[in-house]
PDB file of N, CA and C in Angstrom:
ATOM      1  N   MET A   1      -4.242 -34.881 -22.268  1.00  0.00           N
ATOM      2  CA  MET A   1      -5.154 -33.729 -21.951  1.00  0.00           C
ATOM      3  C   MET A   1      -5.199 -33.497 -20.783  1.00  0.00           C
ATOM      4  N   VAL A   2      -5.226 -34.685 -20.150  1.00  0.00           N
ATOM      5  CA  VAL A   2      -5.346 -34.663 -18.302  1.00  0.00           C
ATOM      6  C   VAL A   2      -4.010 -34.129 -17.564  1.00  0.00           C
ATOM      7  N   GLU A   3      -2.963 -34.743 -18.196  1.00  0.00           N
ATOM      8  CA  GLU A   3      -1.806 -33.921 -17.746  1.00  0.00           C
ATOM      9  C   GLU A   3      -1.732 -32.736 -18.267  1.00  0.00           C
ATOM     10  N   LEU A   4      -2.265 -32.336 -18.980  1.00  0.00           N
ATOM     11  CA  LEU A   4      -2.206 -30.779 -19.217  1.00  0.00           C
ATOM     12  C   LEU A   4      -3.126 -29.958 -18.225  1.00  0.00           C
ATOM     13  N   ILE A   5      -3.850 -30.102 -17.967  1.00  0.00           N
ATOM     14  CA  ILE A   5      -5.127 -29.847 -17.095  1.00  0.00           C
ATOM     15  C   ILE A   5      -4.372 -29.979 -15.895  1.00  0.00           C
ATOM     16  N   GLU A   6      -3.773 -31.043 -15.489  1.00  0.00           N
ATOM     17  CA  GLU A   6      -3.306 -31.030 -13.930  1.00  0.00           C
ATOM     18  C   GLU A   6      -1.812 -29.870 -13.946  1.00  0.00           C
ATOM     19  N   ASN A   7      -1.166 -29.711 -15.035  1.00  0.00           N
ATOM     20  CA  ASN A   7       0.209 -28.726 -15.014  1.00  0.00           C
ATOM     21  C   ASN A   7      -0.833 -27.550 -15.022  1.00  0.00           C
ATOM     22  N   LEU A   8      -1.552 -27.429 -15.576  1.00  0.00           N
ATOM     23  CA  LEU A   8      -2.354 -25.992 -15.488  1.00  0.00           C
ATOM     24  C   LEU A   8      -2.712 -25.304 -14.010  1.00  0.00           C
ATOM     25  N   TYR A   9      -3.296 -26.526 -13.589  1.00  0.00           N
ATOM     26  CA  TYR A   9      -3.823 -26.264 -11.834  1.00  0.00           C
ATOM     27  C   TYR A   9      -2.283 -26.281 -11.206  1.00  0.00           C
ATOM     28  N   ASN A  10      -1.862 -26.928 -11.422  1.00  0.00           N
ATOM     29  CA  ASN A  10      -0.539 -26.564 -10.356  1.00  0.00           C
ATOM     30  C   ASN A  10      -0.148 -25.419 -10.512  1.00  0.00           C
ATOM     31  N   LYS A  11       0.080 -24.756 -11.722  1.00  0.00           N
ATOM     32  CA  LYS A  11       0.582 -23.731 -12.034  1.00  0.00           C
ATOM     33  C   LYS A  11      -0.190 -22.411 -11.755  1.00  0.00           C
ATOM     34  N   ILE A  12      -1.317 -22.716 -11.778  1.00  0.00           N
ATOM     35  CA  ILE A  12      -2.690 -21.340 -11.378  1.00  0.00           C
ATOM     36  C   ILE A  12      -2.274 -21.815  -9.738  1.00  0.00           C
ATOM     37  N   ARG A  13      -2.194 -22.923  -9.130  1.00  0.00           N
ATOM     38  CA  ARG A  13      -2.400 -22.812  -7.360  1.00  0.00           C
ATOM     39  C   ARG A  13      -1.014 -22.437  -7.353  1.00  0.00           C
ATOM     40  N   THR A  14       0.083 -22.340  -7.605  1.00  0.00           N
ATOM     41  CA  THR A  14       1.645 -21.825  -7.403  1.00  0.00           C
ATOM     42  C   THR A  14       1.252 -20.099  -7.297  1.00  0.00           C
ATOM     43  N   ASN A  15       1.072 -19.925  -8.578  1.00  0.00           N
ATOM     44  CA  ASN A  15       0.940 -18.414  -8.561  1.00  0.00           C
ATOM     45  C   ASN A  15      -0.234 -17.821  -7.461  1.00  0.00           C
ATOM     46  N   ASN A  16      -1.421 -18.429  -7.198  1.00  0.00           N
ATOM     47  CA  ASN A  16      -2.134 -17.995  -6.408  1.00  0.00           C
ATOM     48  C   ASN A  16      -1.587 -18.036  -4.896  1.00  0.00           C
ATOM     49  N   LEU A  17      -0.671 -18.910  -4.722  1.00  0.00           N
ATOM     50  CA  LEU A  17       0.149 -19.257  -3.636  1.00  0.00           C
ATOM     51  C   LEU A  17       1.045 -17.915  -3.386  1.00  0.00           C
ATOM     52  N   ILE A  18       1.760 -17.571  -3.970  1.00  0.00           N
ATOM     53  CA  ILE A  18       2.344 -16.639  -4.332  1.00  0.00           C
ATOM     54  C   ILE A  18       2.161 -15.308  -4.184  1.00  0.00           C
ATOM     55  N   PHE A  19       1.042 -15.336  -4.663  1.00  0.00           N
ATOM     56  CA  PHE A  19      -0.001 -13.829  -4.596  1.00  0.00           C
ATOM     57  C   PHE A  19      -0.589 -13.654  -3.347  1.00  0.00           C
ATOM     58  N   ILE A  20      -1.289 -14.665  -2.821  1.00  0.00           N
ATOM     59  CA  ILE A  20      -1.468 -14.509  -1.299  1.00  0.00           C
ATOM     60  C   ILE A  20      -0.374 -14.460  -0.575  1.00  0.00           C
ATOM     61  N   ILE A  21       0.905 -15.017  -0.577  1.00  0.00           N
ATOM     62  CA  ILE A  21       1.842 -14.959   0.247  1.00  0.00           C
ATOM     63  C   ILE A  21       2.440 -12.677   0.262  1.00  0.00           C
ATOM     64  N   LEU A  22       2.548 -12.390  -0.997  1.00  0.00           N
ATOM     65  CA  LEU A  22       2.857 -10.940  -0.837  1.00  0.00           C
ATOM     66  C   LEU A  22       1.625 -10.408  -0.675  1.00  0.00           C
ATOM     67  N   ILE A  23       0.353 -10.505  -0.457  1.00  0.00           N
ATOM     68  CA  ILE A  23      -0.735  -9.847   0.082  1.00  0.00           C
ATOM     69  C   ILE A  23      -0.341  -9.952   1.627  1.00  0.00           C
ATOM     70  N   ILE A  24      -0.286 -11.083   1.940  1.00  0.00           N
ATOM     71  CA  ILE A  24      -0.090 -11.084   3.744  1.00  0.00           C
ATOM     72  C   ILE A  24       1.106 -10.088   4.076  1.00  0.00           C
ATOM     73  N   LEU A  25       2.565 -10.094   3.280  1.00  0.00           N
ATOM     74  CA  LEU A  25       3.565  -9.742   3.890  1.00  0.00           C
ATOM     75  C   LEU A  25       3.355  -8.297   3.950  1.00  0.00           C
ATOM     76  N   PHE A  26       2.497  -7.383   2.612  1.00  0.00           N
ATOM     77  CA  PHE A  26       2.265  -5.938   2.653  1.00  0.00           C
ATOM     78  C   PHE A  26       1.000  -5.886   3.839  1.00  0.00           C
ATOM     79  N   CYS A  27       0.199  -6.396   4.193  1.00  0.00           N
ATOM     80  CA  CYS A  27      -0.368  -6.274   5.024  1.00  0.00           C
ATOM     81  C   CYS A  27      -0.013  -6.240   6.551  1.00  0.00           C
ATOM     82  N   LEU A  28       1.046  -7.075   6.597  1.00  0.00           N
ATOM     83  CA  LEU A  28       2.054  -7.521   7.841  1.00  0.00           C
ATOM     84  C   LEU A  28       3.164  -6.094   7.716  1.00  0.00           C
ATOM     85  N   ILE A  29       3.173  -5.219   6.927  1.00  0.00           N
ATOM     86  CA  ILE A  29       4.439  -4.186   6.800  1.00  0.00           C
ATOM     87  C   ILE A  29       3.692  -2.999   6.793  1.00  0.00           C
ATOM     88  N   SER A  30       2.390  -3.053   6.108  1.00  0.00           N
ATOM     89  CA  SER A  30       2.158  -1.778   6.541  1.00  0.00           C
ATOM     90  C   SER A  30       0.848  -1.442   7.391  1.00  0.00           C
ATOM     91  N   CYS A  31       0.430  -2.766   7.995  1.00  0.00           N
ATOM     92  CA  CYS A  31      -0.218  -2.800   9.727  1.00  0.00           C
ATOM     93  C   CYS A  31       0.961  -2.742  10.888  1.00  0.00           C
ATOM     94  N   GLY A  32       2.143  -3.132  10.689  1.00  0.00           N
ATOM     95  CA  GLY A  32       3.507  -3.374  11.958  1.00  0.00           C
ATOM     96  C   GLY A  32       3.394  -1.767  12.030  1.00  0.00           C
ATOM     97  N   ARG A  33       3.570  -0.563  10.886  1.00  0.00           N
ATOM     98  CA  ARG A  33       4.210   0.250  11.284  1.00  0.00           C
ATOM     99  C   ARG A  33       3.633   1.163  12.420  1.00  0.00           C
ATOM    100  N   LYS A  34       4.359   1.240  13.486  1.00  0.00           N
ATOM    101  CA  LYS A  34       3.498   2.190  14.999  1.00  0.00           C
ATOM    102  C   LYS A  34       4.144   3.455  14.732  1.00  0.00           C
ATOM    103  N   GLY A  35       3.273   4.058  15.201  1.00  0.00           N
ATOM    104  CA  GLY A  35       3.727   5.849  15.543  1.00  0.00           C
ATOM    105  C   GLY A  35       2.725   6.004  14.198  1.00  0.00           C
ATOM    106  N   ASP A  36       2.495   5.655  13.641  1.00  0.00           N
ATOM    107  CA  ASP A  36       1.840   6.713  12.113  1.00  0.00           C
ATOM    108  C   ASP A  36       0.717   7.392  12.167  1.00  0.00           C
ATOM    109  N   LEU A  37      -0.095   7.214  13.328  1.00  0.00           N
ATOM    110  CA  LEU A  37      -0.775   8.184  13.379  1.00  0.00           C
ATOM    111  C   LEU A  37      -0.627   9.130  14.509  1.00  0.00           C
ATOM    112  N   GLU A  38       0.426   8.811  15.097  1.00  0.00           N
ATOM    113  CA  GLU A  38       0.866   9.929  16.432  1.00  0.00           C
ATOM    114  C   GLU A  38       1.641  11.187  15.814  1.00  0.00           C
ATOM    115  N   ARG A  39       2.403  10.628  14.492  1.00  0.00           N
ATOM    116  CA  ARG A  39       3.014  11.706  14.092  1.00  0.00           C
ATOM    117  C   ARG A  39       2.574  13.049  13.762  1.00  0.00           C
ATOM    118  N   PRO A  40       3.581  14.050  14.172  1.00  0.00           N
ATOM    119  CA  PRO A  40       2.622  15.271  13.182  1.00  0.00           C
ATOM    120  C   PRO A  40       2.656  15.856  12.430  1.00  0.00           C
ATOM    121  N   PRO A  41       1.618  16.408  11.868  1.00  0.00           N
ATOM    122  CA  PRO A  41       1.649  16.774  10.000  1.00  0.00           C
ATOM    123  C   PRO A  41       3.037  17.029   9.434  1.00  0.00           C
ATOM    124  N   SER A  42       3.015  16.726   7.828  1.00  0.00           N
ATOM    125  CA  SER A  42       4.274  16.516   7.647  1.00  0.00           C
ATOM    126  C   SER A  42       4.968  18.158   7.648  1.00  0.00           C
ATOM    127  N   THR A  43       6.070  18.942   7.453  1.00  0.00           N
ATOM    128  CA  THR A  43       6.201  19.712   7.582  1.00  0.00           C
ATOM    129  C   THR A  43       7.530  20.056   6.079  1.00  0.00           C
ATOM    130  N   ASP A  44       7.288  18.712   5.096  1.00  0.00           N
ATOM    131  CA  ASP A  44       8.113  19.105   4.105  1.00  0.00           C
ATOM    132  C   ASP A  44       7.229  20.197   3.135  1.00  0.00           C
ATOM    133  N   GLY A  45       6.455  21.138   3.159  1.00  0.00           N
ATOM    134  CA  GLY A  45       5.615  21.974   2.025  1.00  0.00           C
ATOM    135  C   GLY A  45       5.364  21.452   1.029  1.00  0.00           C
ATOM    136  N   LEU A  46       4.775  19.899   1.150  1.00  0.00           N
ATOM    137  CA  LEU A  46       4.058  19.645   0.184  1.00  0.00           C
ATOM    138  C   LEU A  46       2.523  19.780   0.557  1.00  0.00           C
ATOM    139  N   GLU A  47       2.183  20.256   1.604  1.00  0.00           N
ATOM    140  CA  GLU A  47       1.106  20.700   1.678  1.00  0.00           C
ATOM    141  C   GLU A  47       0.294  21.975   1.260  1.00  0.00           C
ATOM    142  N   PRO A  48      -1.052  22.101   1.111  1.00  0.00           N
ATOM    143  CA  PRO A  48      -1.791  23.240   0.135  1.00  0.00           C
ATOM    144  C   PRO A  48      -1.355  24.680   0.745  1.00  0.00           C
ATOM    145  N   PRO A  49      -1.086  25.662   0.148  1.00  0.00           N
ATOM    146  CA  PRO A  49      -1.176  26.736   0.981  1.00  0.00           C
ATOM    147  C   PRO A  49      -2.092  27.308   1.829  1.00  0.00           C
ATOM    148  N   GLU A  50      -2.687  27.651   3.089  1.00  0.00           N
ATOM    149  CA  GLU A  50      -2.976  28.349   3.849  1.00  0.00           C
ATOM    150  C   GLU A  50      -3.778  29.683   2.998  1.00  0.00           C
ATOM    151  N   ILE A  51      -4.667  29.885   3.149  1.00  0.00           N
ATOM    152  CA  ILE A  51      -5.318  31.181   2.878  1.00  0.00           C
ATOM    153  C   ILE A  51      -5.742  31.823   4.193  1.00  0.00           C
ATOM    154  N   LEU A  52      -4.950  32.741   4.300  1.00  0.00           N
ATOM    155  CA  LEU A  52      -5.341  33.976   5.890  1.00  0.00           C
ATOM    156  C   LEU A  52      -6.578  34.376   5.562  1.00  0.00           C
ATOM    157  N   GLU A  53      -6.586  35.457   4.376  1.00  0.00           N
ATOM    158  CA  GLU A  53      -7.618  36.287   4.247  1.00  0.00           C
ATOM    159  C   GLU A  53      -7.909  36.148   2.431  1.00  0.00           C
ATOM    160  N   ASP A  54      -8.863  36.959   1.876  1.00  0.00           N
ATOM    161  CA  ASP A  54      -8.841  37.148   0.864  1.00  0.00           C
ATOM    162  C   ASP A  54      -7.388  37.046  -0.538  1.00  0.00           C
ATOM    163  N   SER A  55      -6.878  37.968   0.034  1.00  0.00           N
ATOM    164  CA  SER A  55      -5.170  38.288  -0.900  1.00  0.00           C
ATOM    165  C   SER A  55      -4.073  37.609   0.030  1.00  0.00           C
ATOM    166  N   ILE A  56      -3.956  37.458   1.090  1.00  0.00           N
ATOM    167  CA  ILE A  56      -3.022  36.603   1.372  1.00  0.00           C
ATOM    168  C   ILE A  56      -2.953  35.093   1.548  1.00  0.00           C
ATOM    169  N   ILE A  57      -1.568  34.581   0.789  1.00  0.00           N
ATOM    170  CA  ILE A  57      -1.749  33.045   1.039  1.00  0.00           C
ATOM    171  C   ILE A  57      -0.344  32.686   1.698  1.00  0.00           C
ATOM    172  N   LYS A  58      -0.571  31.987   2.779  1.00  0.00           N
ATOM    173  CA  LYS A  58       0.779  31.596   3.595  1.00  0.00           C
ATOM    174  C   LYS A  58       0.820  30.375   3.011  1.00  0.00           C
ATOM    175  N   TYR A  59       2.398  30.253   2.189  1.00  0.00           N
ATOM    176  CA  TYR A  59       3.411  29.340   2.077  1.00  0.00           C
ATOM    177  C   TYR A  59       3.975  28.452   3.179  1.00  0.00           C
TER     178      TYR A  59
END
């Protein structure tokens, strides 16, 4: 029974270590992008249309 608990503990500890490493890598990748805030707004057409007047919609 003690061996079963020790094996379970080791598996949980290993999985948590892998999970923590993945979180750290994700943070490093997402925080390491330079210039994200300096880029102009996207012009790929995904923004909502601009309403200039009541009946005119600019796409």
